[in-house]
Amino acid sequence: ETLYRRALFDACDLCEDLTVPAGVSPCWRVQMLLGDFNLCPVGTYPVSYRLYEALQQGSIPIYLYQDQVKGRPRSDRRSYYLPYEGTGADVAVSENGLGFVVPMKDLRPLLERLARLTPAEVERMRSRIVAVRDSHYTPGGAMEQLAMWLRNPDDPAKSDVRCRIVARV
């Protein structure tokens, strides 16, 4: 079982992790935490695995998506998918303070806004991320959210999992 992708450089001395095999580097975690913010662009599908990695590390994600996705009907307003839609763990709800969700075309104005954030504001965001990380953004937390939803699918107070039907055209 390899938990980390092989790298072209020696294992990092900055992060001691006894689960890392020889010749494999866990340095991505250290690099991710060197900055306050991490870019998390969507990939081939309208999701970003890096978003989950950033949240698990307590880093503030900047979730980037394309405003219009080729082949998707205009009626589907969202060009991205995030878990826990409309709840206290939704990254797209700015009041939650969990990160930023913007289309690529709005990245420059966001960067200008980020430059004006105070260290105290950044620390509040990181504290908020840490507060929901274990219950929502770790494998165990996500599984527990799903289990609570499966036990009570009609009671939104029991879990933050939300399902919605996407119209097919």
C-alpha atoms as a PDB file:
ATOM      1  CA  GLU A   1       0.000   0.000   0.000  1.00  0.00           C
ATOM      2  CA  THR A   2       1.470   3.283  -1.083  1.00  0.00           C
ATOM      3  CA  LEU A   3      -0.106   6.302   0.599  1.00  0.00           C
ATOM      4  CA  TYR A   4       2.023   8.893  -1.173  1.00  0.00           C
ATOM      5  CA  ARG A   5       2.892   9.337  -4.821  1.00  0.00           C
ATOM      6  CA  ARG A   6       6.549   8.756  -5.708  1.00  0.00           C
ATOM      7  CA  ALA A   7       8.574  11.923  -6.085  1.00  0.00           C
ATOM      8  CA  LEU A   8      11.748  12.695  -8.004  1.00  0.00           C
ATOM      9  CA  PHE A   9      13.503  13.853  -4.834  1.00  0.00           C
ATOM     10  CA  ASP A  10      14.481  12.337  -1.511  1.00  0.00           C
ATOM     11  CA  ALA A  11      12.008  12.051   1.324  1.00  0.00           C
ATOM     12  CA  CYS A  12      11.584  15.361   3.089  1.00  0.00           C
ATOM     13  CA  ASP A  13      13.334  15.819   6.428  1.00  0.00           C
ATOM     14  CA  LEU A  14      10.724  18.370   7.499  1.00  0.00           C
ATOM     15  CA  CYS A  15       7.910  15.896   7.980  1.00  0.00           C
ATOM     16  CA  GLU A  16       8.579  12.820  10.021  1.00  0.00           C
ATOM     17  CA  ASP A  17       6.042  10.199   9.068  1.00  0.00           C
ATOM     18  CA  LEU A  18       6.933   6.601   9.862  1.00  0.00           C
ATOM     19  CA  THR A  19       4.243   5.326   7.479  1.00  0.00           C
ATOM     20  CA  VAL A  20       6.101   6.722   4.455  1.00  0.00           C
ATOM     21  CA  PRO A  21       8.126   4.085   2.571  1.00  0.00           C
ATOM     22  CA  ALA A  22      11.753   4.846   1.642  1.00  0.00           C
ATOM     23  CA  GLY A  23      12.094   6.932  -1.516  1.00  0.00           C
ATOM     24  CA  VAL A  24       8.607   8.421  -1.209  1.00  0.00           C
ATOM     25  CA  SER A  25       8.038  12.018  -0.167  1.00  0.00           C
ATOM     26  CA  PRO A  26       5.205  13.402   1.943  1.00  0.00           C
ATOM     27  CA  CYS A  27       6.464  16.946   1.287  1.00  0.00           C
ATOM     28  CA  TRP A  28       3.251  18.034  -0.417  1.00  0.00           C
ATOM     29  CA  ARG A  29       1.760  18.494   3.052  1.00  0.00           C
ATOM     30  CA  VAL A  30       4.547  20.804   4.161  1.00  0.00           C
ATOM     31  CA  GLN A  31       4.398  22.748   0.887  1.00  0.00           C
ATOM     32  CA  MET A  32       0.627  23.087   1.197  1.00  0.00           C
ATOM     33  CA  LEU A  33       0.959  24.641   4.644  1.00  0.00           C
ATOM     34  CA  LEU A  34       3.751  27.059   3.699  1.00  0.00           C
ATOM     35  CA  GLY A  35       1.111  29.406   2.294  1.00  0.00           C
ATOM     36  CA  ASP A  36      -2.148  30.516   3.847  1.00  0.00           C
ATOM     37  CA  PHE A  37      -4.140  29.718   0.701  1.00  0.00           C
ATOM     38  CA  ASN A  38      -4.071  26.887  -1.814  1.00  0.00           C
ATOM     39  CA  LEU A  39      -5.421  26.848  -5.345  1.00  0.00           C
ATOM     40  CA  CYS A  40      -7.801  23.944  -5.842  1.00  0.00           C
ATOM     41  CA  PRO A  41      -8.929  23.951  -9.479  1.00  0.00           C
ATOM     42  CA  VAL A  42     -11.534  21.509 -10.674  1.00  0.00           C
ATOM     43  CA  GLY A  43     -10.213  18.697 -12.815  1.00  0.00           C
ATOM     44  CA  THR A  44     -11.684  16.659 -15.627  1.00  0.00           C
ATOM     45  CA  TYR A  45     -14.869  16.408 -13.608  1.00  0.00           C
ATOM     46  CA  PRO A  46     -16.349  19.373 -11.716  1.00  0.00           C
ATOM     47  CA  VAL A  47     -14.613  18.359  -8.476  1.00  0.00           C
ATOM     48  CA  SER A  48     -11.186  18.891  -6.922  1.00  0.00           C
ATOM     49  CA  TYR A  49      -9.464  16.270  -4.799  1.00  0.00           C
ATOM     50  CA  ARG A  50      -7.029  18.982  -3.736  1.00  0.00           C
ATOM     51  CA  LEU A  51      -9.913  20.776  -1.998  1.00  0.00           C
ATOM     52  CA  TYR A  52     -10.211  17.860   0.415  1.00  0.00           C
ATOM     53  CA  GLU A  53      -6.444  17.687   0.903  1.00  0.00           C
ATOM     54  CA  ALA A  54      -6.315  21.402   1.721  1.00  0.00           C
ATOM     55  CA  LEU A  55      -9.177  21.157   4.217  1.00  0.00           C
ATOM     56  CA  GLN A  56      -7.669  18.073   5.841  1.00  0.00           C
ATOM     57  CA  GLN A  57      -4.416  19.994   6.348  1.00  0.00           C
ATOM     58  CA  GLY A  58      -6.208  23.044   7.780  1.00  0.00           C
ATOM     59  CA  SER A  59      -5.263  25.153   4.766  1.00  0.00           C
ATOM     60  CA  ILE A  60      -7.634  27.684   3.193  1.00  0.00           C
ATOM     61  CA  PRO A  61      -8.766  26.468  -0.242  1.00  0.00           C
ATOM     62  CA  ILE A  62      -9.415  28.626  -3.280  1.00  0.00           C
ATOM     63  CA  TYR A  63     -11.748  26.422  -5.298  1.00  0.00           C
ATOM     64  CA  LEU A  64     -11.539  27.435  -8.972  1.00  0.00           C
ATOM     65  CA  TYR A  65     -13.978  26.351 -11.651  1.00  0.00           C
ATOM     66  CA  GLN A  66     -14.862  27.209 -15.240  1.00  0.00           C
ATOM     67  CA  ASP A  67     -17.946  29.400 -15.508  1.00  0.00           C
ATOM     68  CA  GLN A  68     -19.339  27.447 -18.457  1.00  0.00           C
ATOM     69  CA  VAL A  69     -18.426  23.812 -18.941  1.00  0.00           C
ATOM     70  CA  LYS A  70     -18.509  22.577 -22.519  1.00  0.00           C
ATOM     71  CA  GLY A  71     -21.266  20.048 -23.066  1.00  0.00           C
ATOM     72  CA  ARG A  72     -23.220  20.970 -19.940  1.00  0.00           C
ATOM     73  CA  PRO A  73     -26.626  22.593 -20.454  1.00  0.00           C
ATOM     74  CA  ARG A  74     -26.980  26.270 -19.499  1.00  0.00           C
ATOM     75  CA  SER A  75     -29.769  25.279 -17.112  1.00  0.00           C
ATOM     76  CA  ASP A  76     -27.155  23.635 -14.863  1.00  0.00           C
ATOM     77  CA  ARG A  77     -25.891  26.830 -13.194  1.00  0.00           C
ATOM     78  CA  ARG A  78     -23.127  25.182 -11.192  1.00  0.00           C
ATOM     79  CA  SER A  79     -19.894  24.309 -12.928  1.00  0.00           C
ATOM     80  CA  TYR A  80     -18.659  22.596  -9.775  1.00  0.00           C
ATOM     81  CA  TYR A  81     -19.890  20.262  -7.082  1.00  0.00           C
ATOM     82  CA  LEU A  82     -19.170  20.682  -3.392  1.00  0.00           C
ATOM     83  CA  PRO A  83     -20.284  18.503  -0.516  1.00  0.00           C
ATOM     84  CA  TYR A  84     -22.616  19.642   2.248  1.00  0.00           C
ATOM     85  CA  GLU A  85     -24.434  22.194   0.072  1.00  0.00           C
ATOM     86  CA  GLY A  86     -26.137  24.932   2.084  1.00  0.00           C
ATOM     87  CA  THR A  87     -24.848  23.729   5.470  1.00  0.00           C
ATOM     88  CA  GLY A  88     -22.268  25.035   7.937  1.00  0.00           C
ATOM     89  CA  ALA A  89     -19.664  22.853   6.196  1.00  0.00           C
ATOM     90  CA  ASP A  90     -20.294  24.261   2.681  1.00  0.00           C
ATOM     91  CA  VAL A  91     -17.125  25.946   1.375  1.00  0.00           C
ATOM     92  CA  ALA A  92     -19.207  28.033  -1.067  1.00  0.00           C
ATOM     93  CA  VAL A  93     -21.095  29.791   1.750  1.00  0.00           C
ATOM     94  CA  SER A  94     -18.847  32.763   2.508  1.00  0.00           C
ATOM     95  CA  GLU A  95     -20.280  33.206   6.017  1.00  0.00           C
ATOM     96  CA  ASN A  96     -18.870  29.774   6.910  1.00  0.00           C
ATOM     97  CA  GLY A  97     -15.339  31.077   6.445  1.00  0.00           C
ATOM     98  CA  LEU A  98     -14.018  27.797   5.038  1.00  0.00           C
ATOM     99  CA  GLY A  99     -12.478  29.082   1.827  1.00  0.00           C
ATOM    100  CA  PHE A 100     -13.314  30.727  -1.456  1.00  0.00           C
ATOM    101  CA  VAL A 101     -15.209  29.451  -4.502  1.00  0.00           C
ATOM    102  CA  VAL A 102     -14.756  31.499  -7.672  1.00  0.00           C
ATOM    103  CA  PRO A 103     -14.817  31.040 -11.429  1.00  0.00           C
ATOM    104  CA  MET A 104     -11.407  31.351 -13.112  1.00  0.00           C
ATOM    105  CA  LYS A 105     -12.360  34.741 -14.552  1.00  0.00           C
ATOM    106  CA  ASP A 106     -12.735  36.157 -11.009  1.00  0.00           C
ATOM    107  CA  LEU A 107      -9.381  34.969  -9.669  1.00  0.00           C
ATOM    108  CA  ARG A 108      -7.603  38.347  -9.967  1.00  0.00           C
ATOM    109  CA  PRO A 109     -10.209  40.282  -7.906  1.00  0.00           C
ATOM    110  CA  LEU A 110     -10.110  37.497  -5.319  1.00  0.00           C
ATOM    111  CA  LEU A 111      -6.316  37.725  -5.078  1.00  0.00           C
ATOM    112  CA  GLU A 112      -6.621  41.468  -4.452  1.00  0.00           C
ATOM    113  CA  ARG A 113      -9.172  40.750  -1.714  1.00  0.00           C
ATOM    114  CA  LEU A 114      -6.926  38.103  -0.139  1.00  0.00           C
ATOM    115  CA  ALA A 115      -4.025  40.562  -0.016  1.00  0.00           C
ATOM    116  CA  ARG A 116      -6.162  42.796   2.222  1.00  0.00           C
ATOM    117  CA  LEU A 117      -7.038  40.070   4.745  1.00  0.00           C
ATOM    118  CA  THR A 118      -5.484  40.550   8.171  1.00  0.00           C
ATOM    119  CA  PRO A 119      -3.570  37.754   9.916  1.00  0.00           C
ATOM    120  CA  ALA A 120      -6.431  37.560  12.439  1.00  0.00           C
ATOM    121  CA  GLU A 121      -8.962  36.958   9.618  1.00  0.00           C
ATOM    122  CA  VAL A 122      -6.773  34.226   8.141  1.00  0.00           C
ATOM    123  CA  GLU A 123      -6.437  32.601  11.575  1.00  0.00           C
ATOM    124  CA  ARG A 124     -10.230  32.690  12.064  1.00  0.00           C
ATOM    125  CA  MET A 125     -10.707  30.910   8.739  1.00  0.00           C
ATOM    126  CA  ARG A 126      -8.150  28.256   9.624  1.00  0.00           C
ATOM    127  CA  SER A 127      -9.805  27.771  13.028  1.00  0.00           C
ATOM    128  CA  ARG A 128     -13.181  27.323  11.336  1.00  0.00           C
ATOM    129  CA  ILE A 129     -11.699  24.738   8.949  1.00  0.00           C
ATOM    130  CA  VAL A 130     -10.192  22.810  11.858  1.00  0.00           C
ATOM    131  CA  ALA A 131     -13.580  22.907  13.627  1.00  0.00           C
ATOM    132  CA  VAL A 132     -15.324  21.007  10.780  1.00  0.00           C
ATOM    133  CA  ARG A 133     -12.388  19.044   9.389  1.00  0.00           C
ATOM    134  CA  ASP A 134     -12.731  15.848  11.440  1.00  0.00           C
ATOM    135  CA  SER A 135     -16.528  15.691  11.247  1.00  0.00           C
ATOM    136  CA  HIS A 136     -16.821  16.409   7.511  1.00  0.00           C
ATOM    137  CA  TYR A 137     -13.547  16.370   5.524  1.00  0.00           C
ATOM    138  CA  THR A 138     -11.725  13.246   6.669  1.00  0.00           C
ATOM    139  CA  PRO A 139     -12.656   9.811   5.343  1.00  0.00           C
ATOM    140  CA  GLY A 140     -14.059   8.872   8.763  1.00  0.00           C
ATOM    141  CA  GLY A 141     -16.021  12.106   9.063  1.00  0.00           C
ATOM    142  CA  ALA A 142     -17.482  11.770   5.578  1.00  0.00           C
ATOM    143  CA  MET A 143     -18.471   8.161   6.271  1.00  0.00           C
ATOM    144  CA  GLU A 144     -20.151   9.196   9.542  1.00  0.00           C
ATOM    145  CA  GLN A 145     -22.073  11.963   7.733  1.00  0.00           C
ATOM    146  CA  LEU A 146     -23.247   9.406   5.164  1.00  0.00           C
ATOM    147  CA  ALA A 147     -24.205   6.888   7.863  1.00  0.00           C
ATOM    148  CA  MET A 148     -26.250   9.534   9.705  1.00  0.00           C
ATOM    149  CA  TRP A 149     -27.961  10.475   6.437  1.00  0.00           C
ATOM    150  CA  LEU A 150     -28.739   6.846   5.593  1.00  0.00           C
ATOM    151  CA  ARG A 151     -30.330   6.344   9.017  1.00  0.00           C
ATOM    152  CA  ASN A 152     -32.440   9.532   8.631  1.00  0.00           C
ATOM    153  CA  PRO A 153     -32.625  10.533   4.934  1.00  0.00           C
ATOM    154  CA  ASP A 154     -35.664  12.766   5.437  1.00  0.00           C
ATOM    155  CA  ASP A 155     -34.281  14.728   8.408  1.00  0.00           C
ATOM    156  CA  PRO A 156     -31.723  17.376   7.368  1.00  0.00           C
ATOM    157  CA  ALA A 157     -30.960  18.077  11.043  1.00  0.00           C
ATOM    158  CA  LYS A 158     -29.351  14.627  11.418  1.00  0.00           C
ATOM    159  CA  SER A 159     -26.636  14.996   8.752  1.00  0.00           C
ATOM    160  CA  ASP A 160     -25.092  17.623   6.499  1.00  0.00           C
ATOM    161  CA  VAL A 161     -25.274  15.368   3.424  1.00  0.00           C
ATOM    162  CA  ARG A 162     -27.574  16.864   0.796  1.00  0.00           C
ATOM    163  CA  CYS A 163     -28.777  15.197  -2.380  1.00  0.00           C
ATOM    164  CA  ARG A 164     -30.297  17.011  -5.294  1.00  0.00           C
ATOM    165  CA  ILE A 165     -31.602  15.844  -8.615  1.00  0.00           C
ATOM    166  CA  VAL A 166     -29.790  17.332 -11.592  1.00  0.00           C
ATOM    167  CA  ALA A 167     -32.080  17.775 -14.579  1.00  0.00           C
ATOM    168  CA  ARG A 168     -30.851  15.899 -17.623  1.00  0.00           C
ATOM    169  CA  VAL A 169     -31.286  17.485 -21.014  1.00  0.00           C
END
